[in-house]
């Protein structure tokens, strides 16, 4: 079961490493706050997966507490960045471009993250590991965020709702703060 937990984390890590490159290209070309924020979320997911792999390699409550604290701090940093960026974009009326690459990537990412989250939840429960369970919720949130960003991108592309892009960024803020609070409460 421990091997399964590690394999799920390595799969998440690999997906997000590719995702950072794809999202960086898509965000820059479309000048999209939501895609940039989702790229930062992928970076946080990489950090969270790395922390979980580290935690799974050892034991101890102190190690789990530190791992949960690190995951929570990363989400607070993401929330602060996205709040500032989304506020600037909304206040200035900046209009992002369309992003077919961003639409395709976020659609596939949502499906992948939902599958990984389900596997992590089952494995974390079977192991009785709160860090893997919490990171599974982070992965579930990643899937939900991919869906929110996808909606913002599609609304911008099809209906011209430019403000849907920064609003999708604010959805990430809400979930990021929620997950940070949950991670800190778990220890």
Protein backbone atom coordinates (compact mmCIF):
# COMPACT_ATOMS: atom_id res chain seq x y z
CA UNK A 1 0.00 0.00 0.00
CA UNK A 2 2.91 2.33 0.75
CA UNK A 3 4.28 1.66 -2.74
CA UNK A 4 0.91 2.66 -4.20
CA UNK A 5 1.00 5.94 -2.27
CA UNK A 6 4.46 6.68 -3.60
CA UNK A 7 3.44 5.78 -7.16
CA UNK A 8 0.44 8.13 -6.97
CA UNK A 9 2.67 10.95 -5.74
CA UNK A 10 5.26 10.32 -8.48
CA UNK A 11 2.47 10.38 -11.10
CA UNK A 12 1.18 13.66 -9.69
CA UNK A 13 4.68 15.10 -9.64
CA UNK A 14 5.36 14.11 -13.26
CA UNK A 15 2.02 15.47 -14.50
CA UNK A 16 2.56 18.80 -12.79
CA UNK A 17 6.14 19.15 -14.01
CA UNK A 18 4.87 18.89 -17.59
CA UNK A 19 1.94 21.12 -16.65
CA UNK A 20 4.13 23.99 -15.49
CA UNK A 21 5.74 24.20 -18.91
CA UNK A 22 2.43 23.92 -20.79
CA UNK A 23 0.71 26.42 -18.49
CA UNK A 24 3.60 28.90 -18.68
CA UNK A 25 3.42 28.90 -22.47
CA UNK A 26 -0.38 29.16 -22.46
CA UNK A 27 -0.46 31.88 -19.76
CA UNK A 28 2.13 34.07 -21.46
CA UNK A 29 0.58 33.74 -24.92
CA UNK A 30 -2.95 34.43 -23.64
CA UNK A 31 -1.86 36.84 -20.89
CA UNK A 32 -4.17 34.91 -18.57
CA UNK A 33 -4.21 35.39 -14.80
CA UNK A 34 -6.17 32.17 -14.36
CA UNK A 35 -3.65 30.11 -16.33
CA UNK A 36 -0.74 31.73 -14.48
CA UNK A 37 -2.46 31.02 -11.17
CA UNK A 38 -3.15 27.46 -12.16
CA UNK A 39 0.51 27.12 -13.12
CA UNK A 40 1.46 28.34 -9.65
CA UNK A 41 -1.03 25.87 -8.21
CA UNK A 42 0.79 23.16 -10.18
CA UNK A 43 4.04 24.35 -8.64
CA UNK A 44 2.45 24.06 -5.20
CA UNK A 45 1.20 20.59 -6.08
CA UNK A 46 4.80 19.67 -7.01
CA UNK A 47 5.93 20.95 -3.62
CA UNK A 48 3.12 19.08 -1.86
CA UNK A 49 3.94 15.84 -3.68
CA UNK A 50 7.61 16.25 -2.79
CA UNK A 51 6.70 16.82 0.86
CA UNK A 52 4.47 13.72 0.87
CA UNK A 53 7.19 11.59 -0.74
CA UNK A 54 9.57 12.84 1.96
CA UNK A 55 7.01 12.12 4.68
CA UNK A 56 6.30 8.62 3.30
CA UNK A 57 10.01 7.83 3.48
CA UNK A 58 10.01 8.18 7.27
CA UNK A 59 7.75 8.07 10.23
CA UNK A 60 6.77 10.23 13.11
CA UNK A 61 4.17 12.71 14.15
CA UNK A 62 6.62 15.63 14.06
CA UNK A 63 7.42 14.83 10.43
CA UNK A 64 3.70 14.76 9.58
CA UNK A 65 3.06 18.08 11.33
CA UNK A 66 5.89 19.77 9.44
CA UNK A 67 4.67 18.31 6.14
CA UNK A 68 1.12 19.58 6.72
CA UNK A 69 2.42 23.02 7.76
CA UNK A 70 4.54 23.31 4.58
CA UNK A 71 1.59 22.41 2.34
CA UNK A 72 -0.59 24.98 4.13
CA UNK A 73 1.99 27.77 3.80
CA UNK A 74 2.30 27.17 0.07
CA UNK A 75 -1.44 27.64 -0.37
CA UNK A 76 -1.43 30.92 1.55
CA UNK A 77 1.32 32.25 -0.74
CA UNK A 78 -0.71 31.26 -3.80
CA UNK A 79 -3.83 32.96 -2.41
CA UNK A 80 -1.97 36.23 -1.79
CA UNK A 81 -0.48 36.29 -5.30
CA UNK A 82 -3.77 35.52 -7.03
CA UNK A 83 -5.75 38.03 -4.99
CA UNK A 84 -3.40 40.83 -6.00
CA UNK A 85 -3.22 39.77 -9.66
CA UNK A 86 -6.97 39.25 -10.05
CA UNK A 87 -7.73 42.59 -8.38
CA UNK A 88 -5.34 44.40 -10.72
CA UNK A 89 -6.82 42.73 -13.81
CA UNK A 90 -10.40 43.43 -12.74
CA UNK A 91 -9.62 47.04 -11.76
CA UNK A 92 -7.81 47.82 -15.01
CA UNK A 93 -10.21 45.91 -17.26
CA UNK A 94 -7.33 43.98 -18.85
CA UNK A 95 -8.62 41.48 -21.38
CA UNK A 96 -6.81 38.16 -21.75
CA UNK A 97 -6.57 36.48 -25.13
CA UNK A 98 -8.12 33.14 -26.03
CA UNK A 99 -6.13 30.00 -25.21
CA UNK A 100 -6.94 26.76 -27.05
CA UNK A 101 -3.85 25.19 -25.43
CA UNK A 102 -5.05 26.29 -21.99
CA UNK A 103 -8.53 24.91 -22.64
CA UNK A 104 -7.19 21.54 -23.79
CA UNK A 105 -4.68 21.22 -20.94
CA UNK A 106 -7.11 22.16 -18.16
CA UNK A 107 -9.76 19.77 -19.49
CA UNK A 108 -7.35 16.81 -19.47
CA UNK A 109 -5.81 17.89 -16.16
CA UNK A 110 -9.21 17.92 -14.46
CA UNK A 111 -9.80 14.28 -15.38
CA UNK A 112 -6.28 13.20 -14.37
CA UNK A 113 -6.42 15.02 -11.03
CA UNK A 114 -9.83 13.57 -10.11
CA UNK A 115 -8.49 10.05 -10.76
CA UNK A 116 -5.29 10.67 -8.76
CA UNK A 117 -7.26 12.23 -5.89
CA UNK A 118 -9.52 9.19 -5.61
CA UNK A 119 -6.50 6.89 -5.50
CA UNK A 120 -4.77 8.99 -2.85
CA UNK A 121 -7.90 9.13 -0.68
CA UNK A 122 -8.27 5.33 -0.73
CA UNK A 123 -4.57 4.73 -0.16
CA UNK A 124 -4.27 7.36 2.58
CA UNK A 125 -7.21 5.85 4.45
CA UNK A 126 -5.80 2.33 4.09
CA UNK A 127 -2.43 3.49 5.44
CA UNK A 128 -3.97 5.72 8.12
CA UNK A 129 -1.75 8.52 6.78
CA UNK A 130 -3.19 12.04 7.29
CA UNK A 131 -0.54 13.65 5.08
CA UNK A 132 -1.41 11.48 2.07
CA UNK A 133 -5.12 12.03 2.75
CA UNK A 134 -4.62 15.82 2.95
CA UNK A 135 -2.53 15.83 -0.22
CA UNK A 136 -5.30 13.79 -1.84
CA UNK A 137 -7.67 16.65 -1.04
CA UNK A 138 -5.13 19.06 -2.53
CA UNK A 139 -5.20 16.96 -5.71
CA UNK A 140 -9.01 16.97 -5.68
CA UNK A 141 -8.91 20.76 -5.36
CA UNK A 142 -6.47 20.82 -8.26
CA UNK A 143 -9.09 19.01 -10.36
CA UNK A 144 -11.80 21.43 -9.25
CA UNK A 145 -9.55 24.37 -10.00
CA UNK A 146 -8.78 22.98 -13.44
CA UNK A 147 -12.53 22.87 -14.01
CA UNK A 148 -12.98 26.47 -12.80
CA UNK A 149 -10.11 27.72 -14.97
CA UNK A 150 -11.52 25.76 -17.91
CA UNK A 151 -14.90 27.44 -17.41
CA UNK A 152 -13.27 30.88 -17.30
CA UNK A 153 -11.26 30.20 -20.45
CA UNK A 154 -14.26 28.83 -22.33
CA UNK A 155 -16.48 31.75 -21.28
CA UNK A 156 -13.81 34.21 -22.39
CA UNK A 157 -13.36 32.42 -25.73
CA UNK A 158 -17.03 31.81 -26.54
CA UNK A 159 -18.92 34.64 -24.89
CA UNK A 160 -16.22 37.31 -24.64
CA UNK A 161 -16.54 37.38 -20.85
CA UNK A 162 -13.00 38.64 -20.20
CA UNK A 163 -13.70 38.99 -16.48
CA UNK A 164 -14.32 35.22 -16.18
CA UNK A 165 -10.55 34.65 -16.35
CA UNK A 166 -9.62 36.69 -13.23
CA UNK A 167 -12.73 35.41 -11.44
CA UNK A 168 -11.48 31.88 -12.02
CA UNK A 169 -8.27 33.04 -10.33
CA UNK A 170 -10.29 34.15 -7.31
CA UNK A 171 -11.91 30.70 -7.12
CA UNK A 172 -8.40 29.34 -6.68
CA UNK A 173 -7.88 31.83 -3.81
CA UNK A 174 -10.95 30.55 -1.99
CA UNK A 175 -9.97 26.92 -2.27
CA UNK A 176 -6.32 27.63 -1.52
CA UNK A 177 -7.17 29.33 1.77
CA UNK A 178 -9.62 26.58 2.64
CA UNK A 179 -7.00 23.90 2.08
CA UNK A 180 -4.38 25.86 4.04
CA UNK A 181 -6.74 26.07 7.00
CA UNK A 182 -7.51 22.35 6.73
CA UNK A 183 -3.82 21.40 6.55
CA UNK A 184 -3.00 23.47 9.62
CA UNK A 185 -5.98 22.11 11.55
CA UNK A 186 -4.92 18.54 10.75
CA UNK A 187 -1.79 18.88 12.85
